[in-house]
Amino acid sequence: MSEDKKKSRSWRQVWLMTPIWLPLMWLSLDHGVSIALAVMQYINAVPS
C-alpha cells in the first residue's frame, strides 16, 4: 500500500518536472546547461 503511494508520488514529481526540462533538451547542450545553472542560481537567490 505505502509502496504504491511512494511510487505514484515519485511519478507525479517526474511528471511535474518534465515540462521544465523538456524544452532544455531541444536546445543545444551548452544552452541547456547554462540555462539550468541560471535557473538554479535564480532559485537560490530567491529568499524562501
PDB file of N, CA and C in Angstrom:
ATOM      1  N   MET A   1       0.841  -1.194   0.000  1.00  0.00           N
ATOM      2  CA  MET A   1       0.000   0.000   0.000  1.00  0.00           C
ATOM      3  C   MET A   1       0.883   1.254   0.000  1.00  0.00           C
ATOM      4  N   SER A   2       1.724   1.360   1.024  1.00  0.00           N
ATOM      5  CA  SER A   2       2.600   2.530   1.110  1.00  0.00           C
ATOM      6  C   SER A   2       3.580   2.554  -0.073  1.00  0.00           C
ATOM      7  N   GLU A   3       3.932   1.360  -0.563  1.00  0.00           N
ATOM      8  CA  GLU A   3       4.842   1.281  -1.697  1.00  0.00           C
ATOM      9  C   GLU A   3       4.210   1.928  -2.931  1.00  0.00           C
ATOM     10  N   ASP A   4       2.923   1.650  -3.155  1.00  0.00           N
ATOM     11  CA  ASP A   4       2.221   2.242  -4.287  1.00  0.00           C
ATOM     12  C   ASP A   4       2.152   3.754  -4.146  1.00  0.00           C
ATOM     13  N   LYS A   5       1.901   4.217  -2.941  1.00  0.00           N
ATOM     14  CA  LYS A   5       1.828   5.665  -2.703  1.00  0.00           C
ATOM     15  C   LYS A   5       3.163   6.315  -3.028  1.00  0.00           C
ATOM     16  N   LYS A   6       4.233   5.689  -2.564  1.00  0.00           N
ATOM     17  CA  LYS A   6       5.565   6.251  -2.798  1.00  0.00           C
ATOM     18  C   LYS A   6       5.856   6.302  -4.300  1.00  0.00           C
ATOM     19  N   LYS A   7       5.476   5.230  -5.005  1.00  0.00           N
ATOM     20  CA  LYS A   7       5.731   5.146  -6.435  1.00  0.00           C
ATOM     21  C   LYS A   7       4.953   6.227  -7.182  1.00  0.00           C
ATOM     22  N   SER A   8       3.665   6.363  -6.841  1.00  0.00           N
ATOM     23  CA  SER A   8       2.828   7.338  -7.533  1.00  0.00           C
ATOM     24  C   SER A   8       3.328   8.760  -7.266  1.00  0.00           C
ATOM     25  N   ARG A   9       3.825   8.992  -6.051  1.00  0.00           N
ATOM     26  CA  ARG A   9       4.314  10.323  -5.714  1.00  0.00           C
ATOM     27  C   ARG A   9       5.551  10.648  -6.558  1.00  0.00           C
ATOM     28  N   SER A  10       6.478   9.689  -6.693  1.00  0.00           N
ATOM     29  CA  SER A  10       7.688   9.930  -7.470  1.00  0.00           C
ATOM     30  C   SER A  10       7.324  10.147  -8.941  1.00  0.00           C
ATOM     31  N   TRP A  11       6.352   9.373  -9.453  1.00  0.00           N
ATOM     32  CA  TRP A  11       5.921   9.559 -10.839  1.00  0.00           C
ATOM     33  C   TRP A  11       5.312  10.935 -11.022  1.00  0.00           C
ATOM     34  N   ARG A  12       4.588  11.394  -9.992  1.00  0.00           N
ATOM     35  CA  ARG A  12       3.976  12.713 -10.076  1.00  0.00           C
ATOM     36  C   ARG A  12       5.055  13.792 -10.110  1.00  0.00           C
ATOM     37  N   GLN A  13       6.111  13.602  -9.326  1.00  0.00           N
ATOM     38  CA  GLN A  13       7.212  14.560  -9.327  1.00  0.00           C
ATOM     39  C   GLN A  13       7.876  14.593 -10.702  1.00  0.00           C
ATOM     40  N   VAL A  14       8.091  13.412 -11.279  1.00  0.00           N
ATOM     41  CA  VAL A  14       8.684  13.345 -12.619  1.00  0.00           C
ATOM     42  C   VAL A  14       7.785  14.056 -13.620  1.00  0.00           C
ATOM     43  N   TRP A  15       6.480  13.831 -13.511  1.00  0.00           N
ATOM     44  CA  TRP A  15       5.512  14.435 -14.419  1.00  0.00           C
ATOM     45  C   TRP A  15       5.546  15.950 -14.302  1.00  0.00           C
ATOM     46  N   LEU A  16       5.697  16.459 -13.064  1.00  0.00           N
ATOM     47  CA  LEU A  16       5.726  17.905 -12.853  1.00  0.00           C
ATOM     48  C   LEU A  16       7.041  18.504 -13.345  1.00  0.00           C
ATOM     49  N   MET A  17       8.124  17.742 -13.258  1.00  0.00           N
ATOM     50  CA  MET A  17       9.426  18.259 -13.664  1.00  0.00           C
ATOM     51  C   MET A  17       9.614  18.217 -15.172  1.00  0.00           C
ATOM     52  N   THR A  18       8.931  17.293 -15.847  1.00  0.00           N
ATOM     53  CA  THR A  18       9.149  17.098 -17.280  1.00  0.00           C
ATOM     54  C   THR A  18       8.939  18.367 -18.114  1.00  0.00           C
ATOM     55  N   PRO A  19       7.844  19.115 -17.925  1.00  0.00           N
ATOM     56  CA  PRO A  19       7.633  20.317 -18.737  1.00  0.00           C
ATOM     57  C   PRO A  19       8.747  21.339 -18.573  1.00  0.00           C
ATOM     58  N   ILE A  20       9.442  21.308 -17.435  1.00  0.00           N
ATOM     59  CA  ILE A  20      10.522  22.266 -17.199  1.00  0.00           C
ATOM     60  C   ILE A  20      11.763  21.883 -18.003  1.00  0.00           C
ATOM     61  N   TRP A  21      12.080  20.590 -18.032  1.00  0.00           N
ATOM     62  CA  TRP A  21      13.344  20.151 -18.628  1.00  0.00           C
ATOM     63  C   TRP A  21      13.228  19.793 -20.106  1.00  0.00           C
ATOM     64  N   LEU A  22      12.008  19.459 -20.570  1.00  0.00           N
ATOM     65  CA  LEU A  22      11.873  19.080 -21.976  1.00  0.00           C
ATOM     66  C   LEU A  22      12.376  20.160 -22.929  1.00  0.00           C
ATOM     67  N   PRO A  23      11.985  21.438 -22.753  1.00  0.00           N
ATOM     68  CA  PRO A  23      12.490  22.482 -23.657  1.00  0.00           C
ATOM     69  C   PRO A  23      14.013  22.564 -23.644  1.00  0.00           C
ATOM     70  N   LEU A  24      14.623  22.306 -22.488  1.00  0.00           N
ATOM     71  CA  LEU A  24      16.081  22.359 -22.403  1.00  0.00           C
ATOM     72  C   LEU A  24      16.713  21.281 -23.280  1.00  0.00           C
ATOM     73  N   MET A  25      16.032  20.150 -23.409  1.00  0.00           N
ATOM     74  CA  MET A  25      16.556  19.054 -24.222  1.00  0.00           C
ATOM     75  C   MET A  25      16.622  19.455 -25.688  1.00  0.00           C
ATOM     76  N   TRP A  26      15.690  20.316 -26.114  1.00  0.00           N
ATOM     77  CA  TRP A  26      15.636  20.716 -27.513  1.00  0.00           C
ATOM     78  C   TRP A  26      16.735  21.713 -27.848  1.00  0.00           C
ATOM     79  N   LEU A  27      17.212  22.439 -26.814  1.00  0.00           N
ATOM     80  CA  LEU A  27      18.298  23.395 -27.036  1.00  0.00           C
ATOM     81  C   LEU A  27      19.617  22.648 -27.156  1.00  0.00           C
ATOM     82  N   SER A  28      20.631  23.362 -27.598  1.00  0.00           N
ATOM     83  CA  SER A  28      21.955  22.745 -27.608  1.00  0.00           C
ATOM     84  C   SER A  28      22.376  22.462 -26.179  1.00  0.00           C
ATOM     85  N   LEU A  29      23.271  21.499 -25.996  1.00  0.00           N
ATOM     86  CA  LEU A  29      23.658  21.080 -24.647  1.00  0.00           C
ATOM     87  C   LEU A  29      24.223  22.269 -23.868  1.00  0.00           C
ATOM     88  N   ASP A  30      25.032  23.089 -24.528  1.00  0.00           N
ATOM     89  CA  ASP A  30      25.634  24.241 -23.852  1.00  0.00           C
ATOM     90  C   ASP A  30      24.550  25.175 -23.331  1.00  0.00           C
ATOM     91  N   HIS A  31      23.569  25.470 -24.184  1.00  0.00           N
ATOM     92  CA  HIS A  31      22.499  26.367 -23.762  1.00  0.00           C
ATOM     93  C   HIS A  31      21.686  25.738 -22.638  1.00  0.00           C
ATOM     94  N   GLY A  32      21.436  24.448 -22.745  1.00  0.00           N
ATOM     95  CA  GLY A  32      20.661  23.756 -21.715  1.00  0.00           C
ATOM     96  C   GLY A  32      21.351  23.841 -20.360  1.00  0.00           C
ATOM     97  N   VAL A  33      22.666  23.617 -20.351  1.00  0.00           N
ATOM     98  CA  VAL A  33      23.424  23.655 -19.098  1.00  0.00           C
ATOM     99  C   VAL A  33      23.439  25.070 -18.532  1.00  0.00           C
ATOM    100  N   SER A  34      23.708  26.064 -19.386  1.00  0.00           N
ATOM    101  CA  SER A  34      23.790  27.447 -18.896  1.00  0.00           C
ATOM    102  C   SER A  34      22.441  27.910 -18.369  1.00  0.00           C
ATOM    103  N   ILE A  35      21.367  27.529 -19.053  1.00  0.00           N
ATOM    104  CA  ILE A  35      20.022  27.913 -18.596  1.00  0.00           C
ATOM    105  C   ILE A  35      19.709  27.220 -17.270  1.00  0.00           C
ATOM    106  N   ALA A  36      20.067  25.949 -17.163  1.00  0.00           N
ATOM    107  CA  ALA A  36      19.811  25.217 -15.923  1.00  0.00           C
ATOM    108  C   ALA A  36      20.568  25.869 -14.762  1.00  0.00           C
ATOM    109  N   LEU A  37      21.820  26.255 -15.003  1.00  0.00           N
ATOM    110  CA  LEU A  37      22.606  26.911 -13.955  1.00  0.00           C
ATOM    111  C   LEU A  37      21.982  28.255 -13.596  1.00  0.00           C
ATOM    112  N   ALA A  38      21.525  28.996 -14.603  1.00  0.00           N
ATOM    113  CA  ALA A  38      20.907  30.296 -14.347  1.00  0.00           C
ATOM    114  C   ALA A  38      19.633  30.123 -13.526  1.00  0.00           C
ATOM    115  N   VAL A  39      18.840  29.105 -13.864  1.00  0.00           N
ATOM    116  CA  VAL A  39      17.601  28.847 -13.124  1.00  0.00           C
ATOM    117  C   VAL A  39      17.915  28.473 -11.681  1.00  0.00           C
ATOM    118  N   MET A  40      18.928  27.625 -11.482  1.00  0.00           N
ATOM    119  CA  MET A  40      19.278  27.216 -10.123  1.00  0.00           C
ATOM    120  C   MET A  40      19.797  28.406  -9.325  1.00  0.00           C
ATOM    121  N   GLN A  41      20.584  29.265  -9.972  1.00  0.00           N
ATOM    122  CA  GLN A  41      21.077  30.465  -9.290  1.00  0.00           C
ATOM    123  C   GLN A  41      19.907  31.357  -8.903  1.00  0.00           C
ATOM    124  N   TYR A  42      18.934  31.487  -9.815  1.00  0.00           N
ATOM    125  CA  TYR A  42      17.760  32.316  -9.543  1.00  0.00           C
ATOM    126  C   TYR A  42      16.972  31.751  -8.362  1.00  0.00           C
ATOM    127  N   ILE A  43      16.781  30.431  -8.359  1.00  0.00           N
ATOM    128  CA  ILE A  43      16.027  29.785  -7.270  1.00  0.00           C
ATOM    129  C   ILE A  43      16.763  29.989  -5.951  1.00  0.00           C
ATOM    130  N   ASN A  44      18.093  29.866  -5.978  1.00  0.00           N
ATOM    131  CA  ASN A  44      18.873  30.042  -4.749  1.00  0.00           C
ATOM    132  C   ASN A  44      18.848  31.498  -4.299  1.00  0.00           C
ATOM    133  N   ALA A  45      18.761  32.432  -5.247  1.00  0.00           N
ATOM    134  CA  ALA A  45      18.778  33.855  -4.913  1.00  0.00           C
ATOM    135  C   ALA A  45      17.463  34.280  -4.274  1.00  0.00           C
ATOM    136  N   VAL A  46      16.363  33.625  -4.670  1.00  0.00           N
ATOM    137  CA  VAL A  46      15.059  33.993  -4.116  1.00  0.00           C
ATOM    138  C   VAL A  46      14.954  33.539  -2.666  1.00  0.00           C
ATOM    139  N   PRO A  47      14.694  34.465  -1.749  1.00  0.00           N
ATOM    140  CA  PRO A  47      14.550  34.071  -0.337  1.00  0.00           C
ATOM    141  C   PRO A  47      13.311  33.210  -0.135  1.00  0.00           C
ATOM    142  N   SER A  48      13.470  32.089   0.562  1.00  0.00           N
ATOM    143  CA  SER A  48      12.330  31.200   0.754  1.00  0.00           C
ATOM    144  C   SER A  48      11.497  31.632   1.940  1.00  0.00           C
TER     145      SER A  48
END
